[in-house]
Amino acid sequence: MKVEVTIAKEKKLPNGAVEALQKEFDCRLESRFPNCQLTVRREGSDGLTIFSGDRNEVSELLQETWKCALLLAFAHAPI
């Protein structure tokens, strides 16, 4: 399975948020879907593309992971 996540460039995110999402989502995907390939990048708009997989399951997992990644990024952001 291949998963591509795009995040809108105009979204203001704390430093490290995209990297935190990539790392955490990759771990979570790999535990459920061995040999899954993940790409996360900044683009013109938000998006989720899944090739040969369960969209609902991946979408729910992404939502859970995004919340966790943002919490981690905000926790490590300078005050």
C-alpha atoms as a PDB file:
ATOM      1  CA  MET A   1       0.000   0.000   0.000  1.00  0.00           C
ATOM      2  CA  LYS A   2       1.100   3.545  -0.687  1.00  0.00           C
ATOM      3  CA  VAL A   3      -0.145   6.600   1.252  1.00  0.00           C
ATOM      4  CA  GLU A   4       0.433  10.240   0.338  1.00  0.00           C
ATOM      5  CA  VAL A   5      -0.439  13.071   2.735  1.00  0.00           C
ATOM      6  CA  THR A   6      -0.294  16.689   1.620  1.00  0.00           C
ATOM      7  CA  ILE A   7      -0.494  19.636   4.000  1.00  0.00           C
ATOM      8  CA  ALA A   8      -1.473  23.096   2.800  1.00  0.00           C
ATOM      9  CA  LYS A   9       1.541  25.416   2.616  1.00  0.00           C
ATOM     10  CA  GLU A  10      -0.408  28.327   4.082  1.00  0.00           C
ATOM     11  CA  LYS A  11      -1.151  26.407   7.301  1.00  0.00           C
ATOM     12  CA  LYS A  12       0.886  27.786  10.164  1.00  0.00           C
ATOM     13  CA  LEU A  13       2.479  24.890  11.990  1.00  0.00           C
ATOM     14  CA  PRO A  14       5.049  24.749  14.752  1.00  0.00           C
ATOM     15  CA  ASN A  15       8.576  23.818  13.738  1.00  0.00           C
ATOM     16  CA  GLY A  16       8.908  20.080  13.431  1.00  0.00           C
ATOM     17  CA  ALA A  17       5.184  19.352  13.038  1.00  0.00           C
ATOM     18  CA  VAL A  18       5.480  17.854   9.557  1.00  0.00           C
ATOM     19  CA  GLU A  19       8.466  15.744  10.558  1.00  0.00           C
ATOM     20  CA  ALA A  20       6.684  14.582  13.720  1.00  0.00           C
ATOM     21  CA  LEU A  21       3.651  13.598  11.661  1.00  0.00           C
ATOM     22  CA  GLN A  22       5.797  11.725   9.135  1.00  0.00           C
ATOM     23  CA  LYS A  23       7.645   9.786  11.823  1.00  0.00           C
ATOM     24  CA  GLU A  24       4.632   8.921  13.985  1.00  0.00           C
ATOM     25  CA  PHE A  25       2.276   8.120  11.092  1.00  0.00           C
ATOM     26  CA  ASP A  26       4.895   5.926   9.440  1.00  0.00           C
ATOM     27  CA  CYS A  27       5.283   3.910  12.655  1.00  0.00           C
ATOM     28  CA  ARG A  28       1.530   3.526  13.071  1.00  0.00           C
ATOM     29  CA  LEU A  29       0.972   2.574   9.439  1.00  0.00           C
ATOM     30  CA  GLU A  30       3.811   0.067   9.451  1.00  0.00           C
ATOM     31  CA  SER A  31       2.383  -1.678  12.535  1.00  0.00           C
ATOM     32  CA  ARG A  32      -0.970  -2.210  10.769  1.00  0.00           C
ATOM     33  CA  PHE A  33       0.139  -2.415   7.148  1.00  0.00           C
ATOM     34  CA  PRO A  34       3.622  -3.929   6.728  1.00  0.00           C
ATOM     35  CA  ASN A  35       5.568  -2.608   3.739  1.00  0.00           C
ATOM     36  CA  CYS A  36       3.444   0.533   3.494  1.00  0.00           C
ATOM     37  CA  GLN A  37       5.119   3.500   1.782  1.00  0.00           C
ATOM     38  CA  LEU A  38       4.342   6.952   3.199  1.00  0.00           C
ATOM     39  CA  THR A  39       4.993  10.372   1.694  1.00  0.00           C
ATOM     40  CA  VAL A  40       4.219  13.601   3.589  1.00  0.00           C
ATOM     41  CA  ARG A  41       4.816  16.976   1.946  1.00  0.00           C
ATOM     42  CA  ARG A  42       3.634  20.583   1.847  1.00  0.00           C
ATOM     43  CA  GLU A  43       1.425  21.440  -1.144  1.00  0.00           C
ATOM     44  CA  GLY A  44      -1.258  23.898  -2.185  1.00  0.00           C
ATOM     45  CA  SER A  45      -3.970  22.095  -0.215  1.00  0.00           C
ATOM     46  CA  ASP A  46      -4.573  19.326   2.303  1.00  0.00           C
ATOM     47  CA  GLY A  47      -5.045  15.868   0.880  1.00  0.00           C
ATOM     48  CA  LEU A  48      -4.916  12.150   1.504  1.00  0.00           C
ATOM     49  CA  THR A  49      -4.318   9.663  -1.296  1.00  0.00           C
ATOM     50  CA  ILE A  50      -4.326   5.928  -0.665  1.00  0.00           C
ATOM     51  CA  PHE A  51      -3.342   3.356  -3.249  1.00  0.00           C
ATOM     52  CA  SER A  52      -4.813  -0.123  -2.616  1.00  0.00           C
ATOM     53  CA  GLY A  53      -5.883   0.225   0.999  1.00  0.00           C
ATOM     54  CA  ASP A  54      -8.810   0.906   3.317  1.00  0.00           C
ATOM     55  CA  ARG A  55      -9.399   4.676   3.117  1.00  0.00           C
ATOM     56  CA  ASN A  56     -11.561   4.841   6.244  1.00  0.00           C
ATOM     57  CA  GLU A  57      -9.051   3.002   8.416  1.00  0.00           C
ATOM     58  CA  VAL A  58      -6.098   5.048   7.143  1.00  0.00           C
ATOM     59  CA  SER A  59      -8.056   8.309   7.481  1.00  0.00           C
ATOM     60  CA  GLU A  60      -8.950   7.564  11.127  1.00  0.00           C
ATOM     61  CA  LEU A  61      -5.355   6.615  11.864  1.00  0.00           C
ATOM     62  CA  LEU A  62      -4.148   9.859  10.254  1.00  0.00           C
ATOM     63  CA  GLN A  63      -6.526  11.949  12.387  1.00  0.00           C
ATOM     64  CA  GLU A  64      -5.307  10.276  15.590  1.00  0.00           C
ATOM     65  CA  THR A  65      -1.685  10.666  14.529  1.00  0.00           C
ATOM     66  CA  TRP A  66      -2.090  14.334  13.509  1.00  0.00           C
ATOM     67  CA  LYS A  67      -3.403  15.228  16.980  1.00  0.00           C
ATOM     68  CA  CYS A  68      -0.484  13.425  18.603  1.00  0.00           C
ATOM     69  CA  ALA A  69       2.092  15.001  16.258  1.00  0.00           C
ATOM     70  CA  LEU A  70       0.768  18.517  16.898  1.00  0.00           C
ATOM     71  CA  LEU A  71       0.895  17.967  20.656  1.00  0.00           C
ATOM     72  CA  LEU A  72       4.487  16.785  20.370  1.00  0.00           C
ATOM     73  CA  ALA A  73       5.471  19.708  18.152  1.00  0.00           C
ATOM     74  CA  PHE A  74       3.829  22.274  20.452  1.00  0.00           C
ATOM     75  CA  ALA A  75       5.444  20.659  23.491  1.00  0.00           C
ATOM     76  CA  HIS A  76       8.895  21.142  21.931  1.00  0.00           C
ATOM     77  CA  ALA A  77       8.249  24.584  20.430  1.00  0.00           C
ATOM     78  CA  PRO A  78      10.062  27.509  22.058  1.00  0.00           C
ATOM     79  CA  ILE A  79       7.913  29.748  24.212  1.00  0.00           C
END
